[in-house]
Amino acid sequence: MPNDMHRLLASMLGLPAWVQAWMVILLATNMAAFAFLDTDVGFWTAGAFAVVAAFNLPMMVIQGGLTRLLSVPHFVWLALVPYLFLSLFGSEPLPPGSTRHFAVAVLVVNSISLMFDFLEVYRWLKGQREVLGISR
């Protein structure tokens, strides 16, 4: 197990700096949901985060690092993103305040992530299944 963790860490640290920074932004934005659990936006975002984590954490260990396949669980956000959009711009939008700001952040960050995710899943389906960040 220690070697598995070293390989996982090497995979993460071997990614380009901008990808590492993006992963921090993505993780922090979605984890912030736990500060908003008393709201519907926080509840559903935390639920989506839990689903993604439940799949991706074991996959990272099993695969020995990060692969493009880790993008697949992010597709749970295909339900969250429209919900957030309607919460912000629908007939009964969220009032100004921290919950609205949080919803905007999650909407923007997860929408951008989904654009990357579609590309990464396509690349995985085309055979690019290597562990990322680890030199061969």
N, C-alpha and C. Protein backbone atom coordinates (compact mmCIF):
# COMPACT_ATOMS: atom_id res chain seq x y z
N MET A 1 0.81 -1.21 0.00
CA MET A 1 0.00 0.00 0.00
C MET A 1 0.85 1.27 0.00
N PRO A 2 1.97 1.32 0.76
CA PRO A 2 2.78 2.55 0.70
C PRO A 2 3.28 2.85 -0.71
N ASN A 3 3.67 1.82 -1.47
CA ASN A 3 4.11 2.06 -2.84
C ASN A 3 2.97 2.58 -3.70
N ASP A 4 1.75 2.08 -3.46
CA ASP A 4 0.59 2.58 -4.19
C ASP A 4 0.37 4.06 -3.92
N MET A 5 0.52 4.46 -2.67
CA MET A 5 0.33 5.87 -2.31
C MET A 5 1.44 6.74 -2.90
N HIS A 6 2.66 6.21 -2.92
CA HIS A 6 3.77 6.96 -3.54
C HIS A 6 3.52 7.15 -5.03
N ARG A 7 3.02 6.10 -5.69
CA ARG A 7 2.73 6.19 -7.13
C ARG A 7 1.60 7.19 -7.38
N LEU A 8 0.59 7.16 -6.54
CA LEU A 8 -0.53 8.10 -6.67
C LEU A 8 -0.04 9.54 -6.49
N LEU A 9 0.77 9.76 -5.49
CA LEU A 9 1.32 11.10 -5.25
C LEU A 9 2.21 11.53 -6.42
N ALA A 10 3.02 10.60 -6.93
CA ALA A 10 3.89 10.91 -8.07
C ALA A 10 3.05 11.29 -9.29
N SER A 11 1.93 10.60 -9.48
CA SER A 11 1.04 10.91 -10.60
C SER A 11 0.49 12.32 -10.46
N MET A 12 0.03 12.67 -9.27
CA MET A 12 -0.52 14.01 -9.04
C MET A 12 0.53 15.09 -9.24
N LEU A 13 1.69 14.88 -8.64
CA LEU A 13 2.75 15.90 -8.70
C LEU A 13 3.42 15.97 -10.06
N GLY A 14 3.24 14.94 -10.88
CA GLY A 14 3.82 14.93 -12.22
C GLY A 14 2.97 15.66 -13.25
N LEU A 15 1.78 16.06 -12.87
CA LEU A 15 0.91 16.80 -13.78
C LEU A 15 1.42 18.23 -13.95
N PRO A 16 1.10 18.87 -15.07
CA PRO A 16 1.48 20.28 -15.23
C PRO A 16 0.91 21.13 -14.08
N ALA A 17 1.62 22.19 -13.74
CA ALA A 17 1.23 23.05 -12.61
C ALA A 17 -0.19 23.58 -12.77
N TRP A 18 -0.59 23.95 -14.00
CA TRP A 18 -1.93 24.50 -14.18
C TRP A 18 -2.99 23.44 -13.91
N VAL A 19 -2.70 22.17 -14.21
CA VAL A 19 -3.66 21.09 -13.94
C VAL A 19 -3.76 20.87 -12.43
N GLN A 20 -2.63 20.89 -11.74
CA GLN A 20 -2.64 20.76 -10.29
C GLN A 20 -3.45 21.90 -9.66
N ALA A 21 -3.24 23.11 -10.14
CA ALA A 21 -3.99 24.27 -9.62
C ALA A 21 -5.48 24.11 -9.89
N TRP A 22 -5.82 23.64 -11.09
CA TRP A 22 -7.22 23.43 -11.44
C TRP A 22 -7.85 22.39 -10.51
N MET A 23 -7.12 21.32 -10.22
CA MET A 23 -7.65 20.28 -9.34
C MET A 23 -7.92 20.84 -7.94
N VAL A 24 -7.06 21.72 -7.46
CA VAL A 24 -7.27 22.35 -6.15
C VAL A 24 -8.53 23.21 -6.17
N ILE A 25 -8.70 24.00 -7.24
CA ILE A 25 -9.89 24.85 -7.38
C ILE A 25 -11.15 23.99 -7.42
N LEU A 26 -11.12 22.93 -8.22
CA LEU A 26 -12.27 22.03 -8.37
C LEU A 26 -12.62 21.38 -7.04
N LEU A 27 -11.62 20.85 -6.37
CA LEU A 27 -11.85 20.19 -5.09
C LEU A 27 -12.36 21.17 -4.03
N ALA A 28 -11.70 22.31 -3.92
CA ALA A 28 -12.09 23.30 -2.90
C ALA A 28 -13.50 23.83 -3.13
N THR A 29 -13.84 24.10 -4.38
CA THR A 29 -15.17 24.62 -4.69
C THR A 29 -16.25 23.62 -4.31
N ASN A 30 -16.05 22.36 -4.67
CA ASN A 30 -17.06 21.36 -4.37
C ASN A 30 -17.09 20.99 -2.89
N MET A 31 -15.94 20.99 -2.23
CA MET A 31 -15.92 20.69 -0.79
C MET A 31 -16.56 21.81 0.02
N ALA A 32 -16.58 23.01 -0.51
CA ALA A 32 -17.23 24.13 0.18
C ALA A 32 -18.72 23.85 0.39
N ALA A 33 -19.26 22.90 -0.35
CA ALA A 33 -20.67 22.54 -0.19
C ALA A 33 -21.00 22.17 1.25
N PHE A 34 -20.03 21.62 1.96
CA PHE A 34 -20.30 21.19 3.33
C PHE A 34 -20.53 22.37 4.26
N ALA A 35 -20.14 23.55 3.85
CA ALA A 35 -20.43 24.77 4.62
C ALA A 35 -21.84 25.28 4.33
N PHE A 36 -22.48 24.71 3.30
CA PHE A 36 -23.82 25.16 2.88
C PHE A 36 -24.84 24.02 2.96
N LEU A 37 -24.59 23.04 3.80
CA LEU A 37 -25.50 21.89 3.88
C LEU A 37 -26.91 22.25 4.31
N ASP A 38 -27.08 23.40 4.92
CA ASP A 38 -28.41 23.82 5.34
C ASP A 38 -29.21 24.43 4.19
N THR A 39 -28.62 24.44 2.99
CA THR A 39 -29.31 24.95 1.80
C THR A 39 -29.45 23.83 0.78
N ASP A 40 -30.42 23.95 -0.11
CA ASP A 40 -30.58 22.95 -1.16
C ASP A 40 -29.35 22.89 -2.06
N VAL A 41 -28.79 24.06 -2.39
CA VAL A 41 -27.61 24.11 -3.25
C VAL A 41 -26.45 23.35 -2.60
N GLY A 42 -26.22 23.60 -1.33
CA GLY A 42 -25.14 22.91 -0.63
C GLY A 42 -25.39 21.42 -0.51
N PHE A 43 -26.64 21.06 -0.20
CA PHE A 43 -27.00 19.65 -0.06
C PHE A 43 -26.75 18.88 -1.34
N TRP A 44 -27.25 19.40 -2.47
CA TRP A 44 -27.11 18.69 -3.74
C TRP A 44 -25.67 18.71 -4.26
N THR A 45 -24.95 19.78 -4.00
CA THR A 45 -23.55 19.83 -4.40
C THR A 45 -22.73 18.85 -3.57
N ALA A 46 -22.98 18.79 -2.27
CA ALA A 46 -22.27 17.84 -1.41
C ALA A 46 -22.59 16.41 -1.82
N GLY A 47 -23.84 16.16 -2.18
CA GLY A 47 -24.22 14.82 -2.65
C GLY A 47 -23.48 14.43 -3.92
N ALA A 48 -23.41 15.36 -4.86
CA ALA A 48 -22.68 15.10 -6.10
C ALA A 48 -21.19 14.89 -5.81
N PHE A 49 -20.64 15.70 -4.91
CA PHE A 49 -19.23 15.55 -4.53
C PHE A 49 -18.99 14.16 -3.92
N ALA A 50 -19.91 13.71 -3.08
CA ALA A 50 -19.77 12.40 -2.44
C ALA A 50 -19.79 11.28 -3.47
N VAL A 51 -20.66 11.39 -4.46
CA VAL A 51 -20.73 10.38 -5.53
C VAL A 51 -19.41 10.33 -6.29
N VAL A 52 -18.91 11.49 -6.69
CA VAL A 52 -17.64 11.56 -7.43
C VAL A 52 -16.51 10.97 -6.59
N ALA A 53 -16.43 11.36 -5.33
CA ALA A 53 -15.36 10.86 -4.46
C ALA A 53 -15.47 9.35 -4.24
N ALA A 54 -16.69 8.85 -4.09
CA ALA A 54 -16.89 7.42 -3.85
C ALA A 54 -16.38 6.58 -5.02
N PHE A 55 -16.46 7.10 -6.22
CA PHE A 55 -15.94 6.37 -7.38
C PHE A 55 -14.46 6.67 -7.61
N ASN A 56 -14.08 7.94 -7.53
CA ASN A 56 -12.72 8.32 -7.94
C ASN A 56 -11.63 7.93 -6.96
N LEU A 57 -11.89 7.99 -5.68
CA LEU A 57 -10.84 7.63 -4.72
C LEU A 57 -10.39 6.17 -4.89
N PRO A 58 -11.31 5.21 -4.92
CA PRO A 58 -10.85 3.83 -5.16
C PRO A 58 -10.23 3.65 -6.55
N MET A 59 -10.78 4.33 -7.56
CA MET A 59 -10.20 4.19 -8.91
C MET A 59 -8.76 4.68 -8.96
N MET A 60 -8.46 5.77 -8.25
CA MET A 60 -7.09 6.28 -8.25
C MET A 60 -6.13 5.25 -7.65
N VAL A 61 -6.56 4.59 -6.59
CA VAL A 61 -5.71 3.58 -5.96
C VAL A 61 -5.58 2.36 -6.86
N ILE A 62 -6.69 1.88 -7.40
CA ILE A 62 -6.68 0.69 -8.26
C ILE A 62 -5.84 0.92 -9.50
N GLN A 63 -5.96 2.10 -10.10
CA GLN A 63 -5.23 2.40 -11.35
C GLN A 63 -3.79 2.84 -11.09
N GLY A 64 -3.44 3.06 -9.85
CA GLY A 64 -2.09 3.47 -9.52
C GLY A 64 -1.77 4.91 -9.89
N GLY A 65 -2.78 5.75 -9.89
CA GLY A 65 -2.60 7.16 -10.21
C GLY A 65 -3.81 7.71 -10.92
N LEU A 66 -3.63 8.86 -11.54
CA LEU A 66 -4.73 9.54 -12.22
C LEU A 66 -4.76 9.14 -13.69
N THR A 67 -5.94 8.75 -14.15
CA THR A 67 -6.15 8.47 -15.57
C THR A 67 -7.34 9.28 -16.05
N ARG A 68 -7.52 9.29 -17.34
CA ARG A 68 -8.64 10.03 -17.93
C ARG A 68 -9.99 9.45 -17.53
N LEU A 69 -10.01 8.19 -17.13
CA LEU A 69 -11.25 7.54 -16.70
C LEU A 69 -11.87 8.23 -15.48
N LEU A 70 -11.07 8.94 -14.72
CA LEU A 70 -11.58 9.65 -13.54
C LEU A 70 -12.56 10.76 -13.91
N SER A 71 -12.63 11.10 -15.18
CA SER A 71 -13.58 12.12 -15.64
C SER A 71 -15.02 11.60 -15.67
N VAL A 72 -15.20 10.30 -15.81
CA VAL A 72 -16.55 9.74 -15.97
C VAL A 72 -17.47 10.07 -14.79
N PRO A 73 -17.06 9.88 -13.54
CA PRO A 73 -17.97 10.21 -12.44
C PRO A 73 -18.39 11.68 -12.39
N HIS A 74 -17.60 12.55 -13.00
CA HIS A 74 -17.98 13.97 -13.03
C HIS A 74 -19.28 14.19 -13.80
N PHE A 75 -19.69 13.21 -14.60
CA PHE A 75 -20.92 13.38 -15.38
C PHE A 75 -22.15 13.48 -14.48
N VAL A 76 -22.02 13.17 -13.18
CA VAL A 76 -23.12 13.40 -12.25
C VAL A 76 -23.47 14.89 -12.23
N TRP A 77 -22.49 15.72 -12.58
CA TRP A 77 -22.73 17.17 -12.62
C TRP A 77 -23.65 17.57 -13.77
N LEU A 78 -23.91 16.65 -14.70
CA LEU A 78 -24.85 16.95 -15.79
C LEU A 78 -26.26 17.14 -15.23
N ALA A 79 -26.51 16.64 -14.05
CA ALA A 79 -27.79 16.92 -13.36
C ALA A 79 -27.66 18.16 -12.47
N LEU A 80 -26.51 18.32 -11.84
CA LEU A 80 -26.31 19.44 -10.91
C LEU A 80 -26.26 20.78 -11.63
N VAL A 81 -25.58 20.84 -12.77
CA VAL A 81 -25.40 22.12 -13.48
C VAL A 81 -26.74 22.74 -13.89
N PRO A 82 -27.66 22.01 -14.52
CA PRO A 82 -28.95 22.63 -14.85
C PRO A 82 -29.73 23.05 -13.60
N TYR A 83 -29.63 22.24 -12.54
CA TYR A 83 -30.30 22.61 -11.29
C TYR A 83 -29.76 23.95 -10.77
N LEU A 84 -28.44 24.10 -10.78
CA LEU A 84 -27.84 25.36 -10.33
C LEU A 84 -28.24 26.52 -11.22
N PHE A 85 -28.24 26.28 -12.53
CA PHE A 85 -28.63 27.33 -13.47
C PHE A 85 -30.05 27.81 -13.18
N LEU A 86 -30.97 26.86 -12.98
CA LEU A 86 -32.35 27.23 -12.67
C LEU A 86 -32.47 27.90 -11.31
N SER A 87 -31.63 27.48 -10.36
CA SER A 87 -31.63 28.12 -9.04
C SER A 87 -31.18 29.57 -9.12
N LEU A 88 -30.34 29.86 -10.09
CA LEU A 88 -29.81 31.21 -10.25
C LEU A 88 -30.66 32.08 -11.16
N PHE A 89 -31.21 31.48 -12.21
CA PHE A 89 -31.86 32.28 -13.25
C PHE A 89 -33.30 31.86 -13.55
N GLY A 90 -33.83 30.91 -12.78
CA GLY A 90 -35.19 30.44 -13.02
C GLY A 90 -36.24 31.40 -12.50
N SER A 91 -37.47 30.90 -12.40
CA SER A 91 -38.59 31.75 -12.00
C SER A 91 -38.50 32.20 -10.54
N GLU A 92 -37.81 31.43 -9.70
CA GLU A 92 -37.62 31.80 -8.30
C GLU A 92 -36.12 31.74 -7.97
N PRO A 93 -35.36 32.72 -8.47
CA PRO A 93 -33.90 32.66 -8.29
C PRO A 93 -33.48 32.86 -6.83
N LEU A 94 -32.33 32.31 -6.52
CA LEU A 94 -31.76 32.53 -5.18
C LEU A 94 -31.59 34.02 -4.93
N PRO A 95 -31.86 34.46 -3.72
CA PRO A 95 -31.65 35.88 -3.40
C PRO A 95 -30.15 36.19 -3.31
N PRO A 96 -29.80 37.47 -3.41
CA PRO A 96 -28.39 37.84 -3.24
C PRO A 96 -27.87 37.32 -1.89
N GLY A 97 -26.61 36.96 -1.87
CA GLY A 97 -26.01 36.48 -0.63
C GLY A 97 -25.02 35.36 -0.88
N SER A 98 -24.54 34.79 0.20
CA SER A 98 -23.46 33.80 0.10
C SER A 98 -23.88 32.53 -0.64
N THR A 99 -25.12 32.08 -0.45
CA THR A 99 -25.56 30.87 -1.15
C THR A 99 -25.58 31.10 -2.66
N ARG A 100 -26.03 32.26 -3.07
CA ARG A 100 -26.04 32.59 -4.50
C ARG A 100 -24.61 32.64 -5.04
N HIS A 101 -23.71 33.27 -4.30
CA HIS A 101 -22.30 33.33 -4.73
C HIS A 101 -21.71 31.93 -4.84
N PHE A 102 -22.02 31.09 -3.87
CA PHE A 102 -21.53 29.71 -3.91
C PHE A 102 -22.10 28.98 -5.13
N ALA A 103 -23.39 29.14 -5.39
CA ALA A 103 -24.01 28.48 -6.54
C ALA A 103 -23.36 28.92 -7.85
N VAL A 104 -23.06 30.20 -7.97
CA VAL A 104 -22.37 30.71 -9.18
C VAL A 104 -21.00 30.05 -9.31
N ALA A 105 -20.27 29.98 -8.21
CA ALA A 105 -18.92 29.38 -8.25
C ALA A 105 -18.98 27.92 -8.68
N VAL A 106 -19.90 27.16 -8.10
CA VAL A 106 -20.02 25.74 -8.45
C VAL A 106 -20.46 25.59 -9.91
N LEU A 107 -21.42 26.40 -10.33
CA LEU A 107 -21.89 26.35 -11.72
C LEU A 107 -20.74 26.61 -12.69
N VAL A 108 -19.97 27.64 -12.45
CA VAL A 108 -18.87 28.00 -13.36
C VAL A 108 -17.78 26.93 -13.33
N VAL A 109 -17.33 26.56 -12.14
CA VAL A 109 -16.22 25.61 -12.03
C VAL A 109 -16.61 24.24 -12.59
N ASN A 110 -17.78 23.73 -12.23
CA ASN A 110 -18.17 22.41 -12.71
C ASN A 110 -18.50 22.41 -14.19
N SER A 111 -19.00 23.51 -14.72
CA SER A 111 -19.24 23.60 -16.17
C SER A 111 -17.93 23.56 -16.94
N ILE A 112 -16.94 24.29 -16.46
CA ILE A 112 -15.62 24.25 -17.10
C ILE A 112 -15.04 22.85 -17.00
N SER A 113 -15.16 22.25 -15.83
CA SER A 113 -14.65 20.89 -15.65
C SER A 113 -15.30 19.92 -16.62
N LEU A 114 -16.60 20.03 -16.82
CA LEU A 114 -17.29 19.13 -17.75
C LEU A 114 -16.75 19.25 -19.17
N MET A 115 -16.34 20.44 -19.57
CA MET A 115 -15.74 20.59 -20.90
C MET A 115 -14.45 19.77 -20.99
N PHE A 116 -13.62 19.87 -19.96
CA PHE A 116 -12.40 19.04 -19.92
C PHE A 116 -12.77 17.56 -19.87
N ASP A 117 -13.78 17.23 -19.07
CA ASP A 117 -14.16 15.83 -18.86
C ASP A 117 -14.61 15.15 -20.14
N PHE A 118 -15.42 15.83 -20.95
CA PHE A 118 -15.85 15.24 -22.21
C PHE A 118 -14.65 14.91 -23.09
N LEU A 119 -13.70 15.82 -23.15
CA LEU A 119 -12.48 15.60 -23.94
C LEU A 119 -11.67 14.44 -23.38
N GLU A 120 -11.51 14.40 -22.07
CA GLU A 120 -10.71 13.33 -21.45
C GLU A 120 -11.36 11.96 -21.63
N VAL A 121 -12.67 11.87 -21.51
CA VAL A 121 -13.36 10.59 -21.72
C VAL A 121 -13.22 10.17 -23.18
N TYR A 122 -13.37 11.10 -24.10
CA TYR A 122 -13.17 10.79 -25.53
C TYR A 122 -11.77 10.23 -25.75
N ARG A 123 -10.77 10.89 -25.17
CA ARG A 123 -9.39 10.44 -25.34
C ARG A 123 -9.19 9.06 -24.70
N TRP A 124 -9.83 8.81 -23.56
CA TRP A 124 -9.73 7.50 -22.92
C TRP A 124 -10.36 6.44 -23.81
N LEU A 125 -11.53 6.74 -24.37
CA LEU A 125 -12.19 5.78 -25.27
C LEU A 125 -11.36 5.49 -26.51
N LYS A 126 -10.56 6.46 -26.93
CA LYS A 126 -9.69 6.29 -28.10
C LYS A 126 -8.38 5.57 -27.75
N GLY A 127 -8.23 5.16 -26.50
CA GLY A 127 -7.08 4.35 -26.13
C GLY A 127 -6.02 5.03 -25.29
N GLN A 128 -6.21 6.29 -24.94
CA GLN A 128 -5.21 7.00 -24.12
C GLN A 128 -5.48 6.72 -22.64
N ARG A 129 -5.03 5.57 -22.19
CA ARG A 129 -5.38 5.07 -20.86
C ARG A 129 -4.21 5.05 -19.89
N GLU A 130 -3.14 5.74 -20.21
CA GLU A 130 -1.96 5.74 -19.35
C GLU A 130 -2.24 6.48 -18.03
N VAL A 131 -1.41 6.15 -17.05
CA VAL A 131 -1.45 6.89 -15.79
C VAL A 131 -0.78 8.23 -16.05
N LEU A 132 -1.49 9.29 -15.78
CA LEU A 132 -0.99 10.64 -16.09
C LEU A 132 0.05 11.08 -15.07
N GLY A 133 1.00 11.87 -15.54
CA GLY A 133 1.99 12.46 -14.66
C GLY A 133 3.17 11.58 -14.32
N ILE A 134 3.16 10.34 -14.81
CA ILE A 134 4.26 9.43 -14.54
C ILE A 134 5.00 9.16 -15.84
N SER A 135 6.28 9.45 -15.84
CA SER A 135 7.11 9.23 -17.04
C SER A 135 7.25 7.74 -17.28
N ARG A 136 7.31 7.41 -18.53
CA ARG A 136 7.49 6.00 -18.90
C ARG A 136 8.95 5.67 -19.02
